[in-house]
């Protein structure tokens, strides 16, 4: 009759409590505003990095790792890249995105 042994029941209850506490802590950690914000920031950074990389590839600007030794002015072989086209492209994407959001909101109100 191991099922009715009080010591075994107490051990099972203690084990179940510990598992439940870990589960509740994991859920609380996952939905905490701080963790959600951290995950969102990490996701935005990753997506922005991919966007910048793809825009750079489309414009023929490939990123190269910076050299640590030497003068800071010698980071690029041909001089610093012209970032104006990249910035214009990002700005255009932001303007178009904002226009789409505003139009959708306006259409929902009607």
N, C-alpha and C. Protein backbone atom coordinates (compact mmCIF):
# COMPACT_ATOMS: atom_id res chain seq x y z
N UNK A 1 0.81 -1.18 0.00
CA UNK A 1 0.00 0.00 0.00
C UNK A 1 0.87 1.26 0.00
N UNK A 2 1.67 1.39 -1.02
CA UNK A 2 2.55 2.55 -1.13
C UNK A 2 1.77 3.81 -1.42
N UNK A 3 0.56 3.67 -1.99
CA UNK A 3 -0.24 4.84 -2.34
C UNK A 3 -0.76 5.57 -1.10
N UNK A 4 -0.95 4.85 -0.01
CA UNK A 4 -1.51 5.48 1.18
C UNK A 4 -0.45 5.79 2.22
N UNK A 5 0.81 5.54 1.90
CA UNK A 5 1.90 5.84 2.82
C UNK A 5 1.99 7.36 3.00
N UNK A 6 1.84 7.89 4.21
CA UNK A 6 1.84 9.35 4.42
C UNK A 6 3.15 10.02 3.98
N UNK A 7 4.27 9.36 4.20
CA UNK A 7 5.55 9.96 3.79
C UNK A 7 5.63 10.09 2.27
N UNK A 8 5.18 9.05 1.56
CA UNK A 8 5.19 9.11 0.09
C UNK A 8 4.24 10.18 -0.42
N UNK A 9 3.07 10.29 0.18
CA UNK A 9 2.13 11.33 -0.22
C UNK A 9 2.70 12.72 0.01
N UNK A 10 3.37 12.93 1.14
CA UNK A 10 4.00 14.22 1.40
C UNK A 10 5.09 14.54 0.38
N UNK A 11 5.87 13.53 -0.01
CA UNK A 11 6.91 13.74 -1.03
C UNK A 11 6.28 14.11 -2.37
N UNK A 12 5.20 13.42 -2.72
CA UNK A 12 4.51 13.73 -3.99
C UNK A 12 3.95 15.15 -3.97
N UNK A 13 3.35 15.51 -2.85
CA UNK A 13 2.79 16.87 -2.72
C UNK A 13 3.89 17.91 -2.83
N UNK A 14 5.02 17.67 -2.16
CA UNK A 14 6.14 18.62 -2.22
C UNK A 14 6.68 18.73 -3.64
N UNK A 15 6.79 17.59 -4.33
CA UNK A 15 7.28 17.59 -5.72
C UNK A 15 6.31 18.36 -6.62
N UNK A 16 5.01 18.10 -6.44
CA UNK A 16 4.00 18.79 -7.25
C UNK A 16 4.01 20.29 -6.99
N UNK A 17 4.16 20.69 -5.73
CA UNK A 17 4.23 22.12 -5.39
C UNK A 17 5.43 22.77 -6.06
N UNK A 18 6.58 22.08 -6.00
CA UNK A 18 7.79 22.64 -6.61
C UNK A 18 7.62 22.80 -8.12
N UNK A 19 7.03 21.80 -8.78
CA UNK A 19 6.80 21.88 -10.22
C UNK A 19 5.82 23.00 -10.55
N UNK A 20 4.77 23.11 -9.74
CA UNK A 20 3.78 24.16 -9.96
C UNK A 20 4.41 25.55 -9.76
N UNK A 21 5.26 25.69 -8.75
CA UNK A 21 5.93 26.97 -8.51
C UNK A 21 6.82 27.34 -9.68
N UNK A 22 7.55 26.36 -10.22
CA UNK A 22 8.41 26.64 -11.39
C UNK A 22 7.57 27.05 -12.59
N UNK A 23 6.44 26.38 -12.78
CA UNK A 23 5.57 26.71 -13.91
C UNK A 23 5.00 28.12 -13.77
N UNK A 24 4.53 28.45 -12.58
CA UNK A 24 3.97 29.79 -12.35
C UNK A 24 5.04 30.85 -12.54
N UNK A 25 6.26 30.60 -12.03
CA UNK A 25 7.35 31.55 -12.22
C UNK A 25 7.69 31.73 -13.70
N UNK A 26 7.70 30.64 -14.45
CA UNK A 26 8.00 30.72 -15.88
C UNK A 26 6.93 31.53 -16.62
N UNK A 27 5.68 31.30 -16.26
CA UNK A 27 4.59 32.06 -16.90
C UNK A 27 4.69 33.53 -16.54
N UNK A 28 4.92 33.82 -15.27
CA UNK A 28 5.03 35.22 -14.84
C UNK A 28 6.20 35.91 -15.54
N UNK A 29 7.31 35.20 -15.68
CA UNK A 29 8.48 35.77 -16.36
C UNK A 29 8.17 36.03 -17.82
N UNK A 30 7.44 35.13 -18.45
CA UNK A 30 7.14 35.26 -19.88
C UNK A 30 6.21 36.42 -20.17
N UNK A 31 5.27 36.70 -19.29
CA UNK A 31 4.29 37.76 -19.56
C UNK A 31 4.60 39.06 -18.85
N UNK A 32 5.71 39.13 -18.14
CA UNK A 32 6.03 40.38 -17.45
C UNK A 32 6.32 41.48 -18.48
N UNK A 33 5.86 42.68 -18.22
CA UNK A 33 6.06 43.78 -19.18
C UNK A 33 7.53 44.00 -19.52
N UNK A 34 8.40 43.84 -18.54
CA UNK A 34 9.83 44.05 -18.78
C UNK A 34 10.35 43.03 -19.79
N UNK A 35 9.99 41.75 -19.61
CA UNK A 35 10.46 40.71 -20.54
C UNK A 35 9.85 40.88 -21.93
N UNK A 36 8.58 41.25 -21.98
CA UNK A 36 7.93 41.48 -23.27
C UNK A 36 8.64 42.62 -24.00
N UNK A 37 8.95 43.68 -23.27
CA UNK A 37 9.66 44.82 -23.89
C UNK A 37 11.05 44.40 -24.36
N UNK A 38 11.76 43.61 -23.55
CA UNK A 38 13.10 43.16 -23.96
C UNK A 38 13.02 42.32 -25.23
N UNK A 39 12.04 41.40 -25.29
CA UNK A 39 11.91 40.58 -26.49
C UNK A 39 11.53 41.42 -27.70
N UNK A 40 10.67 42.41 -27.49
CA UNK A 40 10.26 43.28 -28.60
C UNK A 40 11.43 44.09 -29.12
N UNK A 41 12.23 44.64 -28.21
CA UNK A 41 13.40 45.42 -28.62
C UNK A 41 14.38 44.54 -29.38
N UNK A 42 14.60 43.33 -28.89
CA UNK A 42 15.52 42.42 -29.57
C UNK A 42 15.00 42.07 -30.97
N UNK A 43 13.69 41.87 -31.08
CA UNK A 43 13.10 41.55 -32.38
C UNK A 43 13.22 42.73 -33.34
N UNK A 44 12.97 43.94 -32.85
CA UNK A 44 13.07 45.13 -33.70
C UNK A 44 14.52 45.33 -34.15
N UNK A 45 15.46 45.13 -33.24
CA UNK A 45 16.88 45.27 -33.63
C UNK A 45 17.26 44.27 -34.69
N UNK A 46 16.81 43.03 -34.53
CA UNK A 46 17.12 42.00 -35.52
C UNK A 46 16.52 42.35 -36.87
N UNK A 47 15.25 42.76 -36.86
CA UNK A 47 14.59 43.11 -38.13
C UNK A 47 15.25 44.34 -38.77
N UNK A 48 15.62 45.31 -37.96
CA UNK A 48 16.28 46.50 -38.50
C UNK A 48 17.63 46.13 -39.11
N UNK A 49 18.34 45.25 -38.44
CA UNK A 49 19.62 44.80 -38.99
C UNK A 49 19.45 44.10 -40.32
N UNK A 50 18.42 43.26 -40.42
CA UNK A 50 18.15 42.59 -41.69
C UNK A 50 17.74 43.60 -42.77
N UNK A 51 16.93 44.59 -42.38
CA UNK A 51 16.49 45.61 -43.34
C UNK A 51 17.68 46.41 -43.85
N UNK A 52 18.52 46.85 -42.93
CA UNK A 52 19.70 47.63 -43.34
C UNK A 52 20.60 46.79 -44.23
N UNK A 53 20.77 45.52 -43.86
CA UNK A 53 21.61 44.64 -44.67
C UNK A 53 21.05 44.43 -46.06
N UNK A 54 19.73 44.23 -46.14
CA UNK A 54 19.13 43.99 -47.46
C UNK A 54 19.13 45.26 -48.30
N UNK A 55 18.91 46.42 -47.67
CA UNK A 55 18.98 47.68 -48.41
C UNK A 55 20.41 47.92 -48.88
N UNK A 56 21.37 47.64 -48.01
CA UNK A 56 22.77 47.79 -48.40
C UNK A 56 23.14 46.87 -49.54
N UNK A 57 22.64 45.63 -49.50
CA UNK A 57 22.90 44.69 -50.59
C UNK A 57 22.26 45.18 -51.89
N UNK A 58 21.04 45.72 -51.78
CA UNK A 58 20.35 46.20 -52.97
C UNK A 58 21.07 47.40 -53.59
N UNK A 59 21.71 48.19 -52.73
CA UNK A 59 22.43 49.36 -53.24
C UNK A 59 23.88 49.04 -53.57
N UNK A 60 24.27 47.81 -53.37
CA UNK A 60 25.64 47.41 -53.67
C UNK A 60 26.63 47.81 -52.60
N UNK A 61 26.13 48.08 -51.42
CA UNK A 61 26.99 48.45 -50.29
C UNK A 61 27.06 47.25 -49.35
N UNK A 62 28.17 46.56 -49.35
CA UNK A 62 28.29 45.42 -48.46
C UNK A 62 29.02 45.85 -47.21
N UNK A 63 28.59 45.31 -46.11
CA UNK A 63 29.24 45.67 -44.85
C UNK A 63 30.52 44.88 -44.69
N UNK A 64 31.50 45.53 -44.12
CA UNK A 64 32.78 44.88 -43.83
C UNK A 64 33.08 45.10 -42.37
N UNK A 65 33.69 44.13 -41.73
CA UNK A 65 34.05 44.34 -40.33
C UNK A 65 35.08 45.44 -40.19
N UNK A 66 34.94 46.26 -39.17
CA UNK A 66 35.87 47.35 -38.95
C UNK A 66 37.17 46.81 -38.39
N UNK A 67 38.25 47.40 -38.82
CA UNK A 67 39.55 47.00 -38.29
C UNK A 67 39.77 47.69 -36.96
N UNK A 68 40.30 46.97 -36.02
CA UNK A 68 40.52 47.54 -34.69
C UNK A 68 41.80 48.35 -34.61
N UNK A 69 42.83 47.92 -35.30
CA UNK A 69 44.09 48.65 -35.23
C UNK A 69 44.10 49.79 -36.25
N UNK A 70 44.93 50.74 -36.04
CA UNK A 70 45.08 51.84 -36.99
C UNK A 70 44.19 53.01 -36.65
N UNK A 71 44.17 53.93 -37.57
CA UNK A 71 43.43 55.17 -37.40
C UNK A 71 41.95 54.96 -37.71
N UNK A 72 41.08 55.63 -36.99
CA UNK A 72 39.64 55.49 -37.21
C UNK A 72 39.22 56.01 -38.58
N UNK A 73 39.99 56.89 -39.18
CA UNK A 73 39.66 57.42 -40.50
C UNK A 73 39.91 56.40 -41.60
N UNK A 74 40.59 55.32 -41.29
CA UNK A 74 40.93 54.33 -42.30
C UNK A 74 40.04 53.09 -42.20
N UNK A 75 38.80 53.24 -41.74
CA UNK A 75 37.90 52.11 -41.62
C UNK A 75 37.43 51.63 -42.99
N UNK A 76 37.34 52.52 -43.97
CA UNK A 76 36.89 52.14 -45.30
C UNK A 76 38.04 52.34 -46.28
N UNK A 77 38.09 51.42 -47.24
CA UNK A 77 39.15 51.49 -48.24
C UNK A 77 38.94 52.66 -49.18
N UNK A 78 37.71 52.89 -49.62
CA UNK A 78 37.42 53.94 -50.59
C UNK A 78 36.79 55.16 -49.95
N UNK A 79 36.87 55.30 -48.67
CA UNK A 79 36.21 56.40 -47.98
C UNK A 79 34.89 55.92 -47.40
N UNK A 80 34.28 56.73 -46.55
CA UNK A 80 33.02 56.30 -45.94
C UNK A 80 31.93 56.14 -46.99
N UNK A 81 31.02 55.19 -46.78
CA UNK A 81 29.95 54.99 -47.77
C UNK A 81 28.95 56.14 -47.72
N UNK A 82 28.30 56.34 -48.83
CA UNK A 82 27.27 57.36 -48.92
C UNK A 82 25.96 56.77 -48.40
N UNK A 83 25.54 57.20 -47.24
CA UNK A 83 24.35 56.64 -46.61
C UNK A 83 23.06 57.36 -47.00
N UNK A 84 23.17 58.41 -47.79
CA UNK A 84 21.98 59.17 -48.17
C UNK A 84 20.93 58.30 -48.85
N UNK A 85 21.28 57.45 -49.82
CA UNK A 85 20.24 56.63 -50.46
C UNK A 85 19.56 55.67 -49.47
N UNK A 86 20.33 55.14 -48.54
CA UNK A 86 19.77 54.23 -47.55
C UNK A 86 18.79 54.98 -46.65
N UNK A 87 19.18 56.13 -46.18
CA UNK A 87 18.31 56.92 -45.32
C UNK A 87 17.05 57.38 -46.04
N UNK A 88 17.19 57.74 -47.29
CA UNK A 88 16.02 58.14 -48.09
C UNK A 88 15.08 56.96 -48.25
N UNK A 89 15.62 55.79 -48.51
CA UNK A 89 14.80 54.58 -48.66
C UNK A 89 14.07 54.24 -47.37
N UNK A 90 14.76 54.29 -46.25
CA UNK A 90 14.14 54.00 -44.96
C UNK A 90 13.05 55.03 -44.67
N UNK A 91 13.32 56.29 -44.94
CA UNK A 91 12.31 57.33 -44.73
C UNK A 91 11.08 57.11 -45.59
N UNK A 92 11.30 56.72 -46.84
CA UNK A 92 10.17 56.47 -47.74
C UNK A 92 9.33 55.30 -47.24
N UNK A 93 9.98 54.26 -46.76
CA UNK A 93 9.25 53.10 -46.23
C UNK A 93 8.44 53.52 -45.01
N UNK A 94 9.00 54.33 -44.14
CA UNK A 94 8.28 54.79 -42.95
C UNK A 94 7.07 55.65 -43.33
N UNK A 95 7.24 56.53 -44.30
CA UNK A 95 6.13 57.40 -44.73
C UNK A 95 5.02 56.56 -45.34
N UNK A 96 5.37 55.62 -46.18
CA UNK A 96 4.35 54.76 -46.80
C UNK A 96 3.64 53.92 -45.74
N UNK A 97 4.41 53.39 -44.80
CA UNK A 97 3.80 52.60 -43.73
C UNK A 97 2.85 53.42 -42.89
N UNK A 98 3.23 54.64 -42.56
CA UNK A 98 2.35 55.51 -41.78
C UNK A 98 1.09 55.84 -42.57
N UNK A 99 1.23 56.09 -43.86
CA UNK A 99 0.06 56.40 -44.69
C UNK A 99 -0.90 55.21 -44.74
N UNK A 100 -0.37 54.01 -44.85
CA UNK A 100 -1.22 52.82 -44.89
C UNK A 100 -1.97 52.66 -43.57
N UNK A 101 -1.29 52.86 -42.45
CA UNK A 101 -1.93 52.73 -41.13
C UNK A 101 -3.03 53.79 -40.99
N UNK A 102 -2.74 55.02 -41.36
CA UNK A 102 -3.75 56.08 -41.25
C UNK A 102 -4.96 55.80 -42.15
N UNK A 103 -4.73 55.33 -43.35
CA UNK A 103 -5.85 55.02 -44.24
C UNK A 103 -6.70 53.89 -43.69
N UNK A 104 -6.08 52.88 -43.12
CA UNK A 104 -6.84 51.77 -42.53
C UNK A 104 -7.68 52.26 -41.36
N UNK A 105 -7.11 53.10 -40.52
CA UNK A 105 -7.88 53.64 -39.38
C UNK A 105 -9.06 54.47 -39.87
N UNK A 106 -8.82 55.27 -40.89
CA UNK A 106 -9.90 56.11 -41.41
C UNK A 106 -11.01 55.25 -41.99
N UNK A 107 -10.65 54.18 -42.68
CA UNK A 107 -11.66 53.30 -43.28
C UNK A 107 -12.43 52.53 -42.22
N UNK A 108 -11.84 52.21 -41.08
CA UNK A 108 -12.54 51.51 -40.01
C UNK A 108 -13.58 52.40 -39.35
N UNK A 109 -13.32 53.69 -39.28
CA UNK A 109 -14.24 54.62 -38.61
C UNK A 109 -15.50 54.85 -39.42
N UNK A 110 -15.43 54.63 -40.71
CA UNK A 110 -16.60 54.90 -41.58
C UNK A 110 -17.61 53.81 -41.48
